[in-house]
């Protein structure tokens, strides 16, 4: 048995560019959330913008920092179904809230 089998393995350096770029994106989205909350005069528009930005931030955290990017496709399907169900429930709750008389 030779040692050449073990010497063929290459040493992989950790890649920091992608997580750092995602982190910078999250910081920028947080700044955008704070900025839009001060500019927007309509409460509904402010909430919708904040929810949209929060969804993008949640996706970035889920995809990159929770390593869903590297999972099998069936796992991605389960996460998509769960996220879709959540969106439907939020939409139904929002529609109920909007139709109530204050």
C-alpha atoms as a PDB file:
ATOM      1  CA  UNK A   1       0.000   0.000   0.000  1.00  0.00           C
ATOM      2  CA  UNK A   2       1.492   3.323  -0.982  1.00  0.00           C
ATOM      3  CA  UNK A   3       1.168   6.732   0.549  1.00  0.00           C
ATOM      4  CA  UNK A   4       0.457   8.358  -2.808  1.00  0.00           C
ATOM      5  CA  UNK A   5      -3.299   7.981  -2.246  1.00  0.00           C
ATOM      6  CA  UNK A   6      -3.122  10.267   0.762  1.00  0.00           C
ATOM      7  CA  UNK A   7      -0.829  12.806  -0.863  1.00  0.00           C
ATOM      8  CA  UNK A   8      -3.236  13.519  -3.719  1.00  0.00           C
ATOM      9  CA  UNK A   9      -5.616  15.388  -1.438  1.00  0.00           C
ATOM     10  CA  UNK A  10      -5.461  19.102  -1.960  1.00  0.00           C
ATOM     11  CA  UNK A  11      -5.582  21.556   0.883  1.00  0.00           C
ATOM     12  CA  UNK A  12      -8.603  23.844   0.529  1.00  0.00           C
ATOM     13  CA  UNK A  13      -8.351  27.350   1.899  1.00  0.00           C
ATOM     14  CA  UNK A  14     -11.522  28.711   3.498  1.00  0.00           C
ATOM     15  CA  UNK A  15     -13.399  31.149   1.302  1.00  0.00           C
ATOM     16  CA  UNK A  16     -14.345  34.322   3.167  1.00  0.00           C
ATOM     17  CA  UNK A  17     -15.504  36.471   0.273  1.00  0.00           C
ATOM     18  CA  UNK A  18     -19.070  35.137   0.031  1.00  0.00           C
ATOM     19  CA  UNK A  19     -20.000  35.309   3.749  1.00  0.00           C
ATOM     20  CA  UNK A  20     -18.459  38.764   4.051  1.00  0.00           C
ATOM     21  CA  UNK A  21     -20.420  39.997   1.021  1.00  0.00           C
ATOM     22  CA  UNK A  22     -23.642  38.553   2.463  1.00  0.00           C
ATOM     23  CA  UNK A  23     -22.895  40.217   5.803  1.00  0.00           C
ATOM     24  CA  UNK A  24     -22.312  43.558   4.076  1.00  0.00           C
ATOM     25  CA  UNK A  25     -25.599  43.049   2.203  1.00  0.00           C
ATOM     26  CA  UNK A  26     -27.409  42.398   5.486  1.00  0.00           C
ATOM     27  CA  UNK A  27     -25.938  45.569   6.984  1.00  0.00           C
ATOM     28  CA  UNK A  28     -27.012  47.567   3.916  1.00  0.00           C
ATOM     29  CA  UNK A  29     -30.530  46.123   4.093  1.00  0.00           C
ATOM     30  CA  UNK A  30     -30.725  47.041   7.785  1.00  0.00           C
ATOM     31  CA  UNK A  31     -29.691  50.603   6.951  1.00  0.00           C
ATOM     32  CA  UNK A  32     -32.335  50.650   4.192  1.00  0.00           C
ATOM     33  CA  UNK A  33     -34.995  49.500   6.669  1.00  0.00           C
ATOM     34  CA  UNK A  34     -34.141  52.301   9.071  1.00  0.00           C
ATOM     35  CA  UNK A  35     -33.947  54.827   6.236  1.00  0.00           C
ATOM     36  CA  UNK A  36     -37.292  53.886   4.698  1.00  0.00           C
ATOM     37  CA  UNK A  37     -39.010  54.002   8.076  1.00  0.00           C
ATOM     38  CA  UNK A  38     -38.060  57.662   8.384  1.00  0.00           C
ATOM     39  CA  UNK A  39     -39.015  58.653   4.837  1.00  0.00           C
ATOM     40  CA  UNK A  40     -42.318  56.829   4.408  1.00  0.00           C
ATOM     41  CA  UNK A  41     -45.346  58.805   5.607  1.00  0.00           C
ATOM     42  CA  UNK A  42     -47.917  56.056   5.081  1.00  0.00           C
ATOM     43  CA  UNK A  43     -47.941  53.399   7.779  1.00  0.00           C
ATOM     44  CA  UNK A  44     -49.016  50.604   5.428  1.00  0.00           C
ATOM     45  CA  UNK A  45     -46.261  51.399   2.933  1.00  0.00           C
ATOM     46  CA  UNK A  46     -43.684  51.468   5.720  1.00  0.00           C
ATOM     47  CA  UNK A  47     -44.829  48.084   6.997  1.00  0.00           C
ATOM     48  CA  UNK A  48     -44.835  46.525   3.526  1.00  0.00           C
ATOM     49  CA  UNK A  49     -41.361  47.863   2.741  1.00  0.00           C
ATOM     50  CA  UNK A  50     -40.036  46.661   6.099  1.00  0.00           C
ATOM     51  CA  UNK A  51     -41.582  43.212   5.586  1.00  0.00           C
ATOM     52  CA  UNK A  52     -40.113  42.953   2.097  1.00  0.00           C
ATOM     53  CA  UNK A  53     -36.643  43.856   3.301  1.00  0.00           C
ATOM     54  CA  UNK A  54     -36.995  41.472   6.255  1.00  0.00           C
ATOM     55  CA  UNK A  55     -37.934  38.634   3.878  1.00  0.00           C
ATOM     56  CA  UNK A  56     -34.837  39.280   1.774  1.00  0.00           C
ATOM     57  CA  UNK A  57     -32.665  39.351   4.901  1.00  0.00           C
ATOM     58  CA  UNK A  58     -34.244  36.143   6.172  1.00  0.00           C
ATOM     59  CA  UNK A  59     -33.608  34.444   2.839  1.00  0.00           C
ATOM     60  CA  UNK A  60     -29.950  35.503   2.876  1.00  0.00           C
ATOM     61  CA  UNK A  61     -29.455  34.159   6.399  1.00  0.00           C
ATOM     62  CA  UNK A  62     -31.241  30.911   5.564  1.00  0.00           C
ATOM     63  CA  UNK A  63     -29.466  30.384   2.237  1.00  0.00           C
ATOM     64  CA  UNK A  64     -25.896  31.245   3.190  1.00  0.00           C
ATOM     65  CA  UNK A  65     -25.429  31.107   6.964  1.00  0.00           C
ATOM     66  CA  UNK A  66     -27.679  28.085   7.548  1.00  0.00           C
ATOM     67  CA  UNK A  67     -26.091  26.357   4.512  1.00  0.00           C
ATOM     68  CA  UNK A  68     -29.347  25.528   2.730  1.00  0.00           C
ATOM     69  CA  UNK A  69     -27.469  26.385  -0.449  1.00  0.00           C
ATOM     70  CA  UNK A  70     -25.558  23.102  -0.137  1.00  0.00           C
ATOM     71  CA  UNK A  71     -28.487  20.855   0.833  1.00  0.00           C
ATOM     72  CA  UNK A  72     -30.223  18.256  -1.299  1.00  0.00           C
ATOM     73  CA  UNK A  73     -33.093  19.423  -3.541  1.00  0.00           C
ATOM     74  CA  UNK A  74     -35.786  17.643  -1.487  1.00  0.00           C
ATOM     75  CA  UNK A  75     -34.755  19.623   1.593  1.00  0.00           C
ATOM     76  CA  UNK A  76     -35.082  22.828  -0.425  1.00  0.00           C
ATOM     77  CA  UNK A  77     -38.585  21.751  -1.466  1.00  0.00           C
ATOM     78  CA  UNK A  78     -39.599  21.210   2.172  1.00  0.00           C
ATOM     79  CA  UNK A  79     -38.258  24.618   3.148  1.00  0.00           C
ATOM     80  CA  UNK A  80     -40.067  26.230   0.199  1.00  0.00           C
ATOM     81  CA  UNK A  81     -43.362  24.587   1.187  1.00  0.00           C
ATOM     82  CA  UNK A  82     -42.966  25.724   4.796  1.00  0.00           C
ATOM     83  CA  UNK A  83     -42.107  29.256   3.689  1.00  0.00           C
ATOM     84  CA  UNK A  84     -45.030  29.313   1.242  1.00  0.00           C
ATOM     85  CA  UNK A  85     -47.411  28.163   3.971  1.00  0.00           C
ATOM     86  CA  UNK A  86     -46.110  30.918   6.220  1.00  0.00           C
ATOM     87  CA  UNK A  87     -46.680  33.522   3.499  1.00  0.00           C
ATOM     88  CA  UNK A  88     -50.256  32.311   2.932  1.00  0.00           C
ATOM     89  CA  UNK A  89     -51.019  32.485   6.666  1.00  0.00           C
ATOM     90  CA  UNK A  90     -49.564  35.994   6.914  1.00  0.00           C
ATOM     91  CA  UNK A  91     -51.576  37.075   3.844  1.00  0.00           C
ATOM     92  CA  UNK A  92     -54.779  35.711   5.379  1.00  0.00           C
ATOM     93  CA  UNK A  93     -54.073  37.442   8.679  1.00  0.00           C
ATOM     94  CA  UNK A  94     -53.296  40.691   6.865  1.00  0.00           C
ATOM     95  CA  UNK A  95     -56.531  40.481   4.863  1.00  0.00           C
ATOM     96  CA  UNK A  96     -58.497  39.891   8.068  1.00  0.00           C
ATOM     97  CA  UNK A  97     -56.818  42.851   9.732  1.00  0.00           C
ATOM     98  CA  UNK A  98     -57.434  45.152   6.758  1.00  0.00           C
ATOM     99  CA  UNK A  99     -61.172  44.316   6.574  1.00  0.00           C
ATOM    100  CA  UNK A 100     -61.915  44.984  10.240  1.00  0.00           C
ATOM    101  CA  UNK A 101     -63.624  48.212  11.081  1.00  0.00           C
ATOM    102  CA  UNK A 102     -61.680  50.252  13.579  1.00  0.00           C
END
